[in-house]
N, C-alpha and C. Protein backbone atom coordinates (compact mmCIF):
# COMPACT_ATOMS: atom_id res chain seq x y z
N MET A 1 -89.00 -32.06 -4.18
CA MET A 1 -89.98 -31.27 -3.46
C MET A 1 -89.89 -29.79 -3.86
N VAL A 2 -88.65 -29.28 -4.00
CA VAL A 2 -88.47 -27.88 -4.38
C VAL A 2 -89.01 -27.62 -5.77
N LEU A 3 -88.80 -28.58 -6.70
CA LEU A 3 -89.30 -28.43 -8.06
C LEU A 3 -90.82 -28.38 -8.08
N LEU A 4 -91.45 -29.21 -7.27
CA LEU A 4 -92.91 -29.20 -7.19
C LEU A 4 -93.41 -27.86 -6.65
N ALA A 5 -92.74 -27.34 -5.61
CA ALA A 5 -93.15 -26.07 -5.01
C ALA A 5 -93.06 -24.93 -6.01
N ALA A 6 -92.09 -25.00 -6.92
CA ALA A 6 -91.90 -23.91 -7.88
C ALA A 6 -92.77 -24.08 -9.12
N ARG A 7 -92.82 -25.30 -9.66
CA ARG A 7 -93.48 -25.50 -10.96
C ARG A 7 -94.94 -25.91 -10.86
N GLU A 8 -95.27 -26.68 -9.85
CA GLU A 8 -96.63 -27.19 -9.75
C GLU A 8 -97.50 -26.37 -8.80
N TRP A 9 -96.95 -26.04 -7.65
CA TRP A 9 -97.78 -25.39 -6.64
C TRP A 9 -97.67 -23.87 -6.66
N GLY A 10 -96.62 -23.33 -7.31
CA GLY A 10 -96.46 -21.90 -7.39
C GLY A 10 -96.07 -21.23 -6.09
N TRP A 11 -95.50 -21.98 -5.18
CA TRP A 11 -95.12 -21.42 -3.89
C TRP A 11 -93.84 -20.59 -4.00
N ILE A 12 -92.98 -20.94 -4.98
CA ILE A 12 -91.70 -20.25 -5.13
C ILE A 12 -91.67 -19.57 -6.49
N ALA A 13 -91.40 -18.25 -6.48
CA ALA A 13 -91.40 -17.49 -7.74
C ALA A 13 -90.20 -17.86 -8.61
N ASN A 14 -89.05 -17.90 -8.03
CA ASN A 14 -87.83 -18.21 -8.77
C ASN A 14 -87.16 -19.44 -8.16
N LEU A 15 -86.87 -20.37 -9.02
CA LEU A 15 -86.23 -21.60 -8.56
C LEU A 15 -84.79 -21.30 -8.16
N PRO A 16 -84.43 -21.58 -6.94
CA PRO A 16 -83.04 -21.30 -6.49
C PRO A 16 -82.04 -22.17 -7.23
N LYS A 17 -80.83 -21.64 -7.34
CA LYS A 17 -79.77 -22.39 -8.00
C LYS A 17 -79.10 -23.32 -6.98
N PHE A 18 -78.83 -24.51 -7.44
CA PHE A 18 -78.20 -25.49 -6.57
C PHE A 18 -76.80 -25.80 -7.09
N LYS A 19 -75.87 -25.81 -6.17
CA LYS A 19 -74.51 -26.18 -6.53
C LYS A 19 -74.34 -27.67 -6.29
N MET A 20 -74.06 -28.40 -7.37
CA MET A 20 -73.90 -29.84 -7.24
C MET A 20 -72.56 -30.16 -6.60
N LEU A 21 -72.59 -30.96 -5.57
CA LEU A 21 -71.36 -31.37 -4.92
C LEU A 21 -70.65 -32.42 -5.76
N GLU A 22 -69.34 -32.31 -5.80
CA GLU A 22 -68.57 -33.27 -6.56
C GLU A 22 -68.62 -34.63 -5.87
N GLU A 23 -68.75 -35.66 -6.68
CA GLU A 23 -68.76 -37.01 -6.13
C GLU A 23 -67.38 -37.34 -5.61
N PRO A 24 -67.30 -37.87 -4.38
CA PRO A 24 -65.99 -38.18 -3.81
C PRO A 24 -65.20 -39.11 -4.73
N LYS A 25 -63.92 -38.80 -4.89
CA LYS A 25 -63.09 -39.62 -5.75
C LYS A 25 -62.77 -40.93 -5.04
N ARG A 26 -62.85 -42.00 -5.80
CA ARG A 26 -62.58 -43.31 -5.22
C ARG A 26 -61.08 -43.44 -4.97
N ARG A 27 -60.72 -43.83 -3.76
CA ARG A 27 -59.32 -43.94 -3.40
C ARG A 27 -58.82 -45.33 -3.74
N GLU A 28 -57.77 -45.38 -4.53
CA GLU A 28 -57.19 -46.67 -4.90
C GLU A 28 -55.70 -46.65 -4.55
N ARG A 29 -55.35 -47.40 -3.54
CA ARG A 29 -53.95 -47.44 -3.10
C ARG A 29 -53.64 -48.84 -2.61
N TRP A 30 -52.64 -49.43 -3.19
CA TRP A 30 -52.21 -50.74 -2.73
C TRP A 30 -50.70 -50.78 -2.70
N LEU A 31 -50.18 -51.76 -2.02
CA LEU A 31 -48.74 -51.89 -1.81
C LEU A 31 -48.13 -52.69 -2.96
N THR A 32 -47.13 -52.13 -3.60
CA THR A 32 -46.42 -52.86 -4.64
C THR A 32 -45.44 -53.82 -3.98
N ALA A 33 -44.90 -54.74 -4.77
CA ALA A 33 -43.95 -55.71 -4.22
C ALA A 33 -42.72 -55.01 -3.66
N ASP A 34 -42.25 -53.98 -4.35
CA ASP A 34 -41.08 -53.25 -3.88
C ASP A 34 -41.39 -52.48 -2.60
N GLU A 35 -42.58 -51.89 -2.52
CA GLU A 35 -42.97 -51.16 -1.32
C GLU A 35 -43.11 -52.11 -0.13
N LYS A 36 -43.65 -53.29 -0.39
CA LYS A 36 -43.79 -54.28 0.68
C LYS A 36 -42.43 -54.65 1.23
N TYR A 37 -41.48 -54.86 0.36
CA TYR A 37 -40.12 -55.21 0.79
C TYR A 37 -39.53 -54.09 1.64
N ARG A 38 -39.68 -52.86 1.19
CA ARG A 38 -39.14 -51.71 1.92
C ARG A 38 -39.82 -51.53 3.27
N LEU A 39 -41.15 -51.71 3.29
CA LEU A 39 -41.89 -51.54 4.53
C LEU A 39 -41.50 -52.59 5.56
N PHE A 40 -41.45 -53.84 5.16
CA PHE A 40 -41.13 -54.91 6.09
C PHE A 40 -39.70 -54.79 6.61
N LYS A 41 -38.85 -54.17 5.83
CA LYS A 41 -37.48 -53.95 6.25
C LYS A 41 -37.41 -52.92 7.37
N GLU A 42 -38.37 -52.01 7.39
CA GLU A 42 -38.37 -50.93 8.38
C GLU A 42 -39.30 -51.17 9.57
N LEU A 43 -40.25 -52.06 9.43
CA LEU A 43 -41.19 -52.31 10.52
C LEU A 43 -40.51 -52.92 11.74
N PRO A 44 -40.91 -52.51 12.94
CA PRO A 44 -40.38 -53.19 14.14
C PRO A 44 -40.85 -54.64 14.14
N GLU A 45 -40.11 -55.48 14.81
CA GLU A 45 -40.36 -56.93 14.75
C GLU A 45 -41.78 -57.32 15.12
N HIS A 46 -42.37 -56.64 16.09
CA HIS A 46 -43.71 -57.05 16.54
C HIS A 46 -44.82 -56.68 15.56
N LEU A 47 -44.53 -55.77 14.61
CA LEU A 47 -45.55 -55.37 13.64
C LEU A 47 -45.47 -56.15 12.32
N ILE A 48 -44.36 -56.82 12.08
CA ILE A 48 -44.22 -57.58 10.83
C ILE A 48 -45.27 -58.69 10.73
N PRO A 49 -45.49 -59.52 11.76
CA PRO A 49 -46.50 -60.58 11.65
C PRO A 49 -47.91 -60.03 11.43
N ILE A 50 -48.25 -58.96 12.10
CA ILE A 50 -49.61 -58.43 11.99
C ILE A 50 -49.84 -57.82 10.61
N ALA A 51 -48.82 -57.18 10.04
CA ALA A 51 -48.94 -56.62 8.70
C ALA A 51 -49.00 -57.74 7.66
N ALA A 52 -48.19 -58.77 7.86
CA ALA A 52 -48.18 -59.91 6.94
C ALA A 52 -49.52 -60.62 6.95
N PHE A 53 -50.10 -60.75 8.13
CA PHE A 53 -51.40 -61.43 8.24
C PHE A 53 -52.50 -60.61 7.58
N ALA A 54 -52.45 -59.30 7.74
CA ALA A 54 -53.44 -58.43 7.11
C ALA A 54 -53.36 -58.52 5.59
N LEU A 55 -52.15 -58.56 5.06
CA LEU A 55 -51.97 -58.66 3.61
C LEU A 55 -52.37 -60.04 3.08
N ALA A 56 -52.26 -61.06 3.93
CA ALA A 56 -52.57 -62.43 3.51
C ALA A 56 -54.05 -62.76 3.60
N THR A 57 -54.78 -62.04 4.46
CA THR A 57 -56.19 -62.37 4.68
C THR A 57 -57.17 -61.28 4.27
N GLY A 58 -56.71 -60.04 4.19
CA GLY A 58 -57.62 -58.94 3.84
C GLY A 58 -58.50 -58.51 5.00
N LEU A 59 -58.24 -58.99 6.19
CA LEU A 59 -59.06 -58.62 7.33
C LEU A 59 -58.82 -57.17 7.73
N ARG A 60 -59.84 -56.56 8.29
CA ARG A 60 -59.73 -55.17 8.73
C ARG A 60 -58.82 -55.06 9.96
N LYS A 61 -58.33 -53.86 10.18
CA LYS A 61 -57.36 -53.62 11.26
C LYS A 61 -57.83 -54.14 12.60
N ALA A 62 -59.05 -53.81 12.98
CA ALA A 62 -59.56 -54.22 14.29
C ALA A 62 -59.68 -55.74 14.40
N ASN A 63 -60.04 -56.39 13.29
CA ASN A 63 -60.18 -57.85 13.30
C ASN A 63 -58.84 -58.55 13.42
N VAL A 64 -57.82 -57.97 12.79
CA VAL A 64 -56.48 -58.55 12.88
C VAL A 64 -55.90 -58.32 14.27
N ALA A 65 -55.94 -57.07 14.72
CA ALA A 65 -55.36 -56.73 16.02
C ALA A 65 -56.05 -57.48 17.16
N GLY A 66 -57.35 -57.67 17.06
CA GLY A 66 -58.09 -58.32 18.14
C GLY A 66 -58.24 -59.81 18.00
N LEU A 67 -57.58 -60.42 17.01
CA LEU A 67 -57.72 -61.85 16.79
C LEU A 67 -57.26 -62.66 18.00
N GLN A 68 -58.10 -63.60 18.42
CA GLN A 68 -57.77 -64.44 19.55
C GLN A 68 -57.61 -65.90 19.11
N TRP A 69 -56.90 -66.65 19.93
CA TRP A 69 -56.65 -68.05 19.59
C TRP A 69 -57.94 -68.86 19.51
N SER A 70 -58.96 -68.43 20.24
CA SER A 70 -60.25 -69.11 20.20
C SER A 70 -60.93 -68.97 18.84
N GLN A 71 -60.42 -68.04 18.00
CA GLN A 71 -60.98 -67.82 16.66
C GLN A 71 -60.17 -68.51 15.57
N VAL A 72 -59.18 -69.28 15.99
CA VAL A 72 -58.29 -69.92 15.02
C VAL A 72 -58.34 -71.44 15.18
N ASP A 73 -58.52 -72.11 14.04
CA ASP A 73 -58.49 -73.58 14.03
C ASP A 73 -57.30 -73.97 13.15
N ILE A 74 -56.18 -74.26 13.80
CA ILE A 74 -54.95 -74.55 13.06
C ILE A 74 -55.06 -75.80 12.19
N PRO A 75 -55.58 -76.93 12.69
CA PRO A 75 -55.69 -78.13 11.84
C PRO A 75 -56.52 -77.88 10.58
N ARG A 76 -57.57 -77.09 10.70
CA ARG A 76 -58.43 -76.81 9.54
C ARG A 76 -57.96 -75.60 8.74
N ARG A 77 -56.88 -74.97 9.20
CA ARG A 77 -56.33 -73.78 8.52
C ARG A 77 -57.42 -72.72 8.30
N THR A 78 -58.12 -72.42 9.36
CA THR A 78 -59.25 -71.50 9.29
C THR A 78 -59.29 -70.57 10.50
N ALA A 79 -59.72 -69.34 10.25
CA ALA A 79 -60.02 -68.41 11.34
C ALA A 79 -61.41 -67.87 11.06
N TRP A 80 -62.02 -67.25 12.05
CA TRP A 80 -63.34 -66.69 11.79
C TRP A 80 -63.52 -65.42 12.60
N ILE A 81 -64.33 -64.53 12.04
CA ILE A 81 -64.67 -63.28 12.69
C ILE A 81 -66.12 -63.39 13.12
N HIS A 82 -66.38 -63.16 14.39
CA HIS A 82 -67.74 -63.29 14.92
C HIS A 82 -68.65 -62.17 14.41
N VAL A 83 -69.94 -62.40 14.49
CA VAL A 83 -70.93 -61.44 14.00
C VAL A 83 -70.73 -60.05 14.60
N ASP A 84 -70.49 -59.98 15.89
CA ASP A 84 -70.35 -58.69 16.56
C ASP A 84 -69.01 -58.01 16.28
N GLN A 85 -68.12 -58.71 15.56
CA GLN A 85 -66.83 -58.13 15.21
C GLN A 85 -66.77 -57.70 13.75
N ALA A 86 -67.76 -58.11 12.97
CA ALA A 86 -67.75 -57.84 11.53
C ALA A 86 -68.51 -56.58 11.19
N LYS A 87 -67.97 -55.79 10.28
CA LYS A 87 -68.61 -54.55 9.85
C LYS A 87 -69.94 -54.84 9.16
N SER A 88 -70.01 -55.96 8.47
CA SER A 88 -71.22 -56.33 7.74
C SER A 88 -72.25 -57.00 8.64
N SER A 89 -71.92 -57.17 9.92
CA SER A 89 -72.80 -57.84 10.89
C SER A 89 -73.10 -59.28 10.50
N ARG A 90 -72.15 -59.88 9.79
CA ARG A 90 -72.26 -61.29 9.43
C ARG A 90 -70.94 -61.98 9.75
N ALA A 91 -71.02 -63.18 10.30
CA ALA A 91 -69.80 -63.91 10.62
C ALA A 91 -68.99 -64.17 9.35
N ILE A 92 -67.68 -64.14 9.48
CA ILE A 92 -66.80 -64.33 8.33
C ILE A 92 -65.88 -65.51 8.58
N GLY A 93 -65.91 -66.47 7.68
CA GLY A 93 -64.96 -67.57 7.74
C GLY A 93 -63.74 -67.20 6.92
N VAL A 94 -62.56 -67.41 7.47
CA VAL A 94 -61.32 -66.98 6.80
C VAL A 94 -60.41 -68.17 6.55
N PRO A 95 -60.38 -68.69 5.33
CA PRO A 95 -59.43 -69.76 5.02
C PRO A 95 -58.01 -69.18 5.03
N LEU A 96 -57.10 -69.85 5.71
CA LEU A 96 -55.74 -69.33 5.86
C LEU A 96 -54.81 -69.94 4.82
N ASN A 97 -54.23 -69.10 3.99
CA ASN A 97 -53.27 -69.59 3.00
C ASN A 97 -51.92 -69.85 3.67
N ASP A 98 -50.94 -70.26 2.89
CA ASP A 98 -49.65 -70.64 3.47
C ASP A 98 -49.00 -69.49 4.23
N GLU A 99 -49.09 -68.27 3.67
CA GLU A 99 -48.47 -67.12 4.34
C GLU A 99 -49.16 -66.83 5.67
N ALA A 100 -50.48 -66.88 5.67
CA ALA A 100 -51.23 -66.62 6.90
C ALA A 100 -50.94 -67.69 7.95
N MET A 101 -50.85 -68.95 7.51
CA MET A 101 -50.56 -70.04 8.44
C MET A 101 -49.15 -69.89 9.03
N SER A 102 -48.22 -69.45 8.21
CA SER A 102 -46.85 -69.25 8.69
C SER A 102 -46.83 -68.20 9.80
N VAL A 103 -47.62 -67.15 9.62
CA VAL A 103 -47.70 -66.10 10.63
C VAL A 103 -48.32 -66.66 11.91
N ILE A 104 -49.43 -67.36 11.77
CA ILE A 104 -50.12 -67.92 12.94
C ILE A 104 -49.20 -68.84 13.74
N LEU A 105 -48.52 -69.71 13.05
CA LEU A 105 -47.64 -70.66 13.72
C LEU A 105 -46.49 -69.95 14.43
N SER A 106 -46.05 -68.83 13.88
CA SER A 106 -44.94 -68.09 14.48
C SER A 106 -45.34 -67.40 15.78
N GLN A 107 -46.65 -67.26 16.00
CA GLN A 107 -47.14 -66.55 17.19
C GLN A 107 -47.55 -67.48 18.33
N ARG A 108 -47.53 -68.77 18.08
CA ARG A 108 -47.94 -69.72 19.12
C ARG A 108 -47.03 -69.64 20.35
N GLY A 109 -47.66 -69.68 21.52
CA GLY A 109 -46.91 -69.67 22.77
C GLY A 109 -46.55 -68.29 23.29
N LYS A 110 -46.88 -67.26 22.56
CA LYS A 110 -46.52 -65.90 22.99
C LYS A 110 -47.55 -65.29 23.93
N HIS A 111 -48.81 -65.71 23.80
CA HIS A 111 -49.86 -65.16 24.65
C HIS A 111 -50.99 -66.19 24.76
N LYS A 112 -51.65 -66.23 25.88
CA LYS A 112 -52.70 -67.23 26.09
C LYS A 112 -53.95 -66.99 25.26
N THR A 113 -54.32 -65.72 25.11
CA THR A 113 -55.59 -65.44 24.44
C THR A 113 -55.43 -64.74 23.09
N ASN A 114 -54.54 -63.77 23.01
CA ASN A 114 -54.40 -62.99 21.78
C ASN A 114 -53.28 -63.49 20.88
N VAL A 115 -53.53 -63.42 19.58
CA VAL A 115 -52.55 -63.89 18.61
C VAL A 115 -51.40 -62.90 18.47
N PHE A 116 -51.73 -61.61 18.37
CA PHE A 116 -50.71 -60.59 18.13
C PHE A 116 -50.50 -59.73 19.38
N THR A 117 -49.29 -59.74 19.88
CA THR A 117 -48.99 -59.03 21.12
C THR A 117 -47.64 -58.31 21.02
N TYR A 118 -47.42 -57.44 22.00
CA TYR A 118 -46.13 -56.74 22.11
C TYR A 118 -45.79 -56.63 23.59
N LYS A 119 -44.67 -57.21 23.97
CA LYS A 119 -44.24 -57.23 25.36
C LYS A 119 -45.32 -57.80 26.29
N GLY A 120 -45.97 -58.84 25.81
CA GLY A 120 -46.96 -59.53 26.63
C GLY A 120 -48.34 -58.92 26.64
N ASN A 121 -48.54 -57.85 25.90
CA ASN A 121 -49.84 -57.19 25.85
C ASN A 121 -50.41 -57.20 24.44
N PRO A 122 -51.73 -57.31 24.30
CA PRO A 122 -52.36 -57.27 22.98
C PRO A 122 -52.04 -55.96 22.26
N ILE A 123 -51.86 -56.02 20.96
CA ILE A 123 -51.62 -54.82 20.17
C ILE A 123 -52.96 -54.19 19.84
N LYS A 124 -53.22 -53.03 20.38
CA LYS A 124 -54.52 -52.39 20.17
C LYS A 124 -54.57 -51.60 18.86
N ASN A 125 -53.48 -50.93 18.53
CA ASN A 125 -53.46 -50.11 17.33
C ASN A 125 -52.17 -50.34 16.55
N PRO A 126 -52.19 -51.25 15.57
CA PRO A 126 -50.98 -51.53 14.80
C PRO A 126 -50.57 -50.38 13.88
N ALA A 127 -51.45 -49.41 13.71
CA ALA A 127 -51.16 -48.28 12.82
C ALA A 127 -50.75 -47.03 13.59
N GLY A 128 -50.11 -47.22 14.71
CA GLY A 128 -49.71 -46.10 15.54
C GLY A 128 -48.39 -45.47 15.11
N THR A 129 -47.69 -44.90 16.06
CA THR A 129 -46.46 -44.16 15.78
C THR A 129 -45.40 -45.02 15.10
N ALA A 130 -45.21 -46.24 15.59
CA ALA A 130 -44.19 -47.13 15.02
C ALA A 130 -44.47 -47.43 13.56
N TRP A 131 -45.75 -47.63 13.23
CA TRP A 131 -46.17 -47.90 11.85
C TRP A 131 -45.87 -46.70 10.96
N LYS A 132 -46.23 -45.53 11.44
CA LYS A 132 -46.05 -44.31 10.65
C LYS A 132 -44.57 -43.99 10.43
N LYS A 133 -43.78 -44.21 11.45
CA LYS A 133 -42.34 -43.97 11.31
C LYS A 133 -41.71 -44.94 10.32
N ALA A 134 -42.18 -46.18 10.34
CA ALA A 134 -41.66 -47.19 9.40
C ALA A 134 -42.00 -46.80 7.96
N LEU A 135 -43.21 -46.31 7.74
CA LEU A 135 -43.61 -45.86 6.41
C LEU A 135 -42.72 -44.71 5.94
N LYS A 136 -42.43 -43.80 6.85
CA LYS A 136 -41.60 -42.65 6.50
C LYS A 136 -40.19 -43.10 6.16
N ARG A 137 -39.62 -44.00 6.95
CA ARG A 137 -38.27 -44.50 6.68
C ARG A 137 -38.22 -45.27 5.36
N ALA A 138 -39.32 -45.95 5.05
CA ALA A 138 -39.39 -46.75 3.81
C ALA A 138 -39.74 -45.89 2.60
N ARG A 139 -39.99 -44.60 2.83
CA ARG A 139 -40.34 -43.64 1.76
C ARG A 139 -41.62 -44.08 1.05
N ILE A 140 -42.61 -44.48 1.85
CA ILE A 140 -43.90 -44.88 1.30
C ILE A 140 -44.94 -43.85 1.73
N ALA A 141 -45.52 -43.17 0.77
CA ALA A 141 -46.48 -42.10 1.06
C ALA A 141 -47.91 -42.55 0.78
N ASN A 142 -48.84 -41.89 1.44
CA ASN A 142 -50.27 -42.10 1.18
C ASN A 142 -50.68 -43.56 1.33
N PHE A 143 -50.20 -44.19 2.37
CA PHE A 143 -50.57 -45.59 2.60
C PHE A 143 -51.04 -45.76 4.04
N ARG A 144 -52.26 -46.26 4.21
CA ARG A 144 -52.83 -46.50 5.52
C ARG A 144 -52.86 -48.01 5.80
N PHE A 145 -53.04 -48.37 7.05
CA PHE A 145 -53.10 -49.79 7.38
C PHE A 145 -54.26 -50.46 6.64
N HIS A 146 -55.37 -49.74 6.48
CA HIS A 146 -56.52 -50.31 5.79
C HIS A 146 -56.20 -50.63 4.33
N ASP A 147 -55.16 -49.99 3.79
CA ASP A 147 -54.78 -50.26 2.41
C ASP A 147 -54.17 -51.65 2.25
N CYS A 148 -53.84 -52.30 3.37
CA CYS A 148 -53.43 -53.71 3.29
C CYS A 148 -54.59 -54.53 2.74
N ARG A 149 -55.80 -54.15 3.13
CA ARG A 149 -57.01 -54.82 2.65
C ARG A 149 -57.20 -54.56 1.15
N HIS A 150 -56.96 -53.32 0.74
CA HIS A 150 -57.04 -53.00 -0.68
C HIS A 150 -55.99 -53.78 -1.47
N THR A 151 -54.82 -53.91 -0.91
CA THR A 151 -53.75 -54.67 -1.58
C THR A 151 -54.15 -56.12 -1.75
N TRP A 152 -54.71 -56.69 -0.70
CA TRP A 152 -55.17 -58.09 -0.74
C TRP A 152 -56.23 -58.27 -1.82
N ALA A 153 -57.22 -57.39 -1.86
CA ALA A 153 -58.30 -57.49 -2.85
C ALA A 153 -57.77 -57.28 -4.26
N THR A 154 -56.87 -56.33 -4.41
CA THR A 154 -56.28 -56.05 -5.73
C THR A 154 -55.55 -57.27 -6.26
N ASN A 155 -54.75 -57.90 -5.40
CA ASN A 155 -54.01 -59.09 -5.82
C ASN A 155 -54.96 -60.22 -6.21
N HIS A 156 -56.05 -60.38 -5.47
CA HIS A 156 -57.04 -61.40 -5.80
C HIS A 156 -57.63 -61.17 -7.19
N VAL A 157 -58.02 -59.94 -7.45
CA VAL A 157 -58.65 -59.63 -8.73
C VAL A 157 -57.68 -59.83 -9.88
N ILE A 158 -56.45 -59.36 -9.71
CA ILE A 158 -55.45 -59.51 -10.76
C ILE A 158 -55.17 -60.98 -11.05
N GLN A 159 -55.23 -61.81 -10.00
CA GLN A 159 -54.99 -63.24 -10.17
C GLN A 159 -56.22 -63.99 -10.67
N GLY A 160 -57.35 -63.28 -10.80
CA GLY A 160 -58.53 -63.89 -11.41
C GLY A 160 -59.59 -64.44 -10.47
N THR A 161 -59.54 -64.10 -9.18
CA THR A 161 -60.58 -64.56 -8.26
C THR A 161 -61.92 -63.96 -8.67
N PRO A 162 -62.95 -64.76 -8.89
CA PRO A 162 -64.27 -64.25 -9.29
C PRO A 162 -64.87 -63.34 -8.23
N THR A 163 -65.80 -62.50 -8.66
CA THR A 163 -66.39 -61.50 -7.78
C THR A 163 -67.08 -62.11 -6.56
N ARG A 164 -67.91 -63.14 -6.79
CA ARG A 164 -68.68 -63.71 -5.69
C ARG A 164 -67.81 -64.32 -4.59
N PRO A 165 -66.84 -65.18 -4.94
CA PRO A 165 -65.97 -65.72 -3.90
C PRO A 165 -65.18 -64.61 -3.18
N LEU A 166 -64.76 -63.59 -3.92
CA LEU A 166 -64.01 -62.51 -3.29
C LEU A 166 -64.89 -61.74 -2.31
N GLN A 167 -66.15 -61.57 -2.67
CA GLN A 167 -67.08 -60.90 -1.77
C GLN A 167 -67.21 -61.66 -0.45
N GLU A 168 -67.30 -62.99 -0.56
CA GLU A 168 -67.43 -63.80 0.65
C GLU A 168 -66.13 -63.80 1.46
N LEU A 169 -65.00 -63.88 0.76
CA LEU A 169 -63.72 -63.88 1.45
C LEU A 169 -63.50 -62.57 2.20
N GLY A 170 -63.91 -61.47 1.58
CA GLY A 170 -63.71 -60.17 2.19
C GLY A 170 -64.79 -59.75 3.17
N GLY A 171 -65.87 -60.52 3.23
CA GLY A 171 -66.95 -60.20 4.16
C GLY A 171 -67.71 -58.96 3.78
N TRP A 172 -67.74 -58.62 2.48
CA TRP A 172 -68.52 -57.45 2.03
C TRP A 172 -69.99 -57.80 1.98
N SER A 173 -70.82 -56.84 2.34
CA SER A 173 -72.26 -57.09 2.37
C SER A 173 -72.90 -57.01 0.99
N SER A 174 -72.23 -56.34 0.04
CA SER A 174 -72.79 -56.22 -1.31
C SER A 174 -71.70 -56.39 -2.36
N GLU A 175 -72.11 -56.81 -3.54
CA GLU A 175 -71.17 -57.01 -4.64
C GLU A 175 -70.60 -55.69 -5.13
N LYS A 176 -71.34 -54.61 -4.87
CA LYS A 176 -70.90 -53.29 -5.31
C LYS A 176 -69.54 -52.93 -4.74
N MET A 177 -69.29 -53.34 -3.51
CA MET A 177 -68.01 -53.05 -2.87
C MET A 177 -66.85 -53.76 -3.56
N VAL A 178 -67.13 -54.90 -4.16
CA VAL A 178 -66.10 -55.66 -4.83
C VAL A 178 -65.86 -55.13 -6.25
N GLN A 179 -66.90 -54.58 -6.85
CA GLN A 179 -66.81 -54.10 -8.22
C GLN A 179 -65.80 -52.97 -8.38
N ARG A 180 -65.46 -52.30 -7.30
CA ARG A 180 -64.49 -51.21 -7.38
C ARG A 180 -63.13 -51.71 -7.86
N TYR A 181 -62.90 -53.03 -7.71
CA TYR A 181 -61.63 -53.61 -8.13
C TYR A 181 -61.72 -54.31 -9.49
N ALA A 182 -62.93 -54.40 -10.02
CA ALA A 182 -63.16 -55.21 -11.22
C ALA A 182 -62.31 -54.76 -12.40
N HIS A 183 -62.09 -53.45 -12.53
CA HIS A 183 -61.36 -52.95 -13.69
C HIS A 183 -59.90 -53.38 -13.71
N LEU A 184 -59.41 -53.91 -12.59
CA LEU A 184 -58.01 -54.31 -12.51
C LEU A 184 -57.74 -55.63 -13.22
N ASN A 185 -58.79 -56.41 -13.46
CA ASN A 185 -58.63 -57.68 -14.15
C ASN A 185 -59.09 -57.54 -15.59
N THR A 186 -58.16 -57.64 -16.51
CA THR A 186 -58.48 -57.48 -17.94
C THR A 186 -58.36 -58.77 -18.73
N GLU A 187 -58.13 -59.89 -18.02
CA GLU A 187 -57.91 -61.15 -18.73
C GLU A 187 -59.11 -61.56 -19.58
N HIS A 188 -60.34 -61.26 -19.08
CA HIS A 188 -61.53 -61.66 -19.84
C HIS A 188 -61.69 -60.81 -21.11
N LEU A 189 -60.90 -59.75 -21.23
CA LEU A 189 -60.97 -58.89 -22.42
C LEU A 189 -59.83 -59.17 -23.40
N ARG A 190 -58.86 -59.97 -22.95
CA ARG A 190 -57.66 -60.16 -23.75
C ARG A 190 -57.98 -60.76 -25.13
N GLN A 191 -58.95 -61.66 -25.19
CA GLN A 191 -59.28 -62.30 -26.48
C GLN A 191 -59.79 -61.30 -27.51
N TYR A 192 -60.28 -60.15 -27.02
CA TYR A 192 -60.81 -59.15 -27.94
C TYR A 192 -59.80 -58.04 -28.26
N ALA A 193 -58.70 -58.01 -27.52
CA ALA A 193 -57.75 -56.90 -27.67
C ALA A 193 -57.17 -56.81 -29.07
N GLY A 194 -57.00 -57.98 -29.73
CA GLY A 194 -56.41 -57.97 -31.06
C GLY A 194 -57.36 -57.55 -32.16
N ASN A 195 -58.65 -57.43 -31.84
CA ASN A 195 -59.62 -57.07 -32.88
C ASN A 195 -59.35 -55.71 -33.50
N SER A 196 -58.70 -54.84 -32.78
CA SER A 196 -58.45 -53.49 -33.29
C SER A 196 -57.46 -53.48 -34.44
N SER A 197 -56.69 -54.56 -34.59
CA SER A 197 -55.67 -54.59 -35.65
C SER A 197 -56.09 -55.42 -36.85
N GLN A 198 -57.36 -55.84 -36.88
CA GLN A 198 -57.81 -56.68 -37.98
C GLN A 198 -58.29 -55.86 -39.17
N PHE A 199 -57.45 -54.93 -39.59
CA PHE A 199 -57.76 -54.19 -40.81
C PHE A 199 -56.49 -54.11 -41.65
N ASP A 200 -56.62 -53.63 -42.86
CA ASP A 200 -55.50 -53.57 -43.78
C ASP A 200 -54.47 -52.56 -43.27
N THR A 201 -53.31 -53.06 -42.83
CA THR A 201 -52.30 -52.17 -42.27
C THR A 201 -51.62 -51.31 -43.32
N ASN A 202 -51.94 -51.55 -44.59
CA ASN A 202 -51.36 -50.75 -45.66
C ASN A 202 -52.15 -49.47 -45.93
N LEU A 203 -53.30 -49.36 -45.26
CA LEU A 203 -54.12 -48.17 -45.47
C LEU A 203 -53.41 -46.95 -44.86
N THR A 204 -53.59 -45.83 -45.54
CA THR A 204 -53.02 -44.58 -45.03
C THR A 204 -53.94 -44.03 -43.94
N PRO A 205 -53.45 -43.15 -43.07
CA PRO A 205 -54.29 -42.52 -42.05
C PRO A 205 -55.54 -41.86 -42.64
N ALA A 206 -55.39 -41.26 -43.83
CA ALA A 206 -56.54 -40.59 -44.47
C ALA A 206 -57.61 -41.60 -44.86
N GLN A 207 -57.17 -42.79 -45.32
CA GLN A 207 -58.11 -43.83 -45.71
C GLN A 207 -58.83 -44.41 -44.50
N ILE A 208 -58.11 -44.51 -43.41
CA ILE A 208 -58.72 -45.05 -42.20
C ILE A 208 -59.78 -44.14 -41.70
N GLN A 209 -59.57 -42.81 -41.76
CA GLN A 209 -60.55 -41.84 -41.31
C GLN A 209 -61.77 -41.84 -42.21
């Protein structure tokens, strides 16, 4: 609109200068195997299951903390997030792997309605003071509870989970959100990696140039 006012309509004599804002840098942070070991060693007992479940399922903090037994089907090894609980406003089916099932089974009998509790009460904020102190003791910097989700997605991509299934597993509304992890999987490029060496290795640097 400003360009039209200046160039076409003549309303503005001099086109003002615009300062382009820098595009926000994409944050990439996930838990390494060593960091996970250190963190779990420092976490209080009631936070270990909830952190393990988040890393095993990729569910968001609120969905993990608020998980109820009515959302879990143990025989079918499945949990689900209702439409009104999902950020994408779509119900999410969550297949539970062995680690997630182990966590679920360990919580049975502790509370009638909620899966994760502390002293008989639902855990409202697993990323509170106890979480932060554990991170500090474990010497883990720049790691948020939401990064458990990034860790889960990163591990999936590195292990070769295709984009579409990962999108459904993570409950993302668009494939664009999953593409942020795509560069972490290089297996589909491995067959081409050797092409750079298919020249005469006896050539001098000057000849190559």
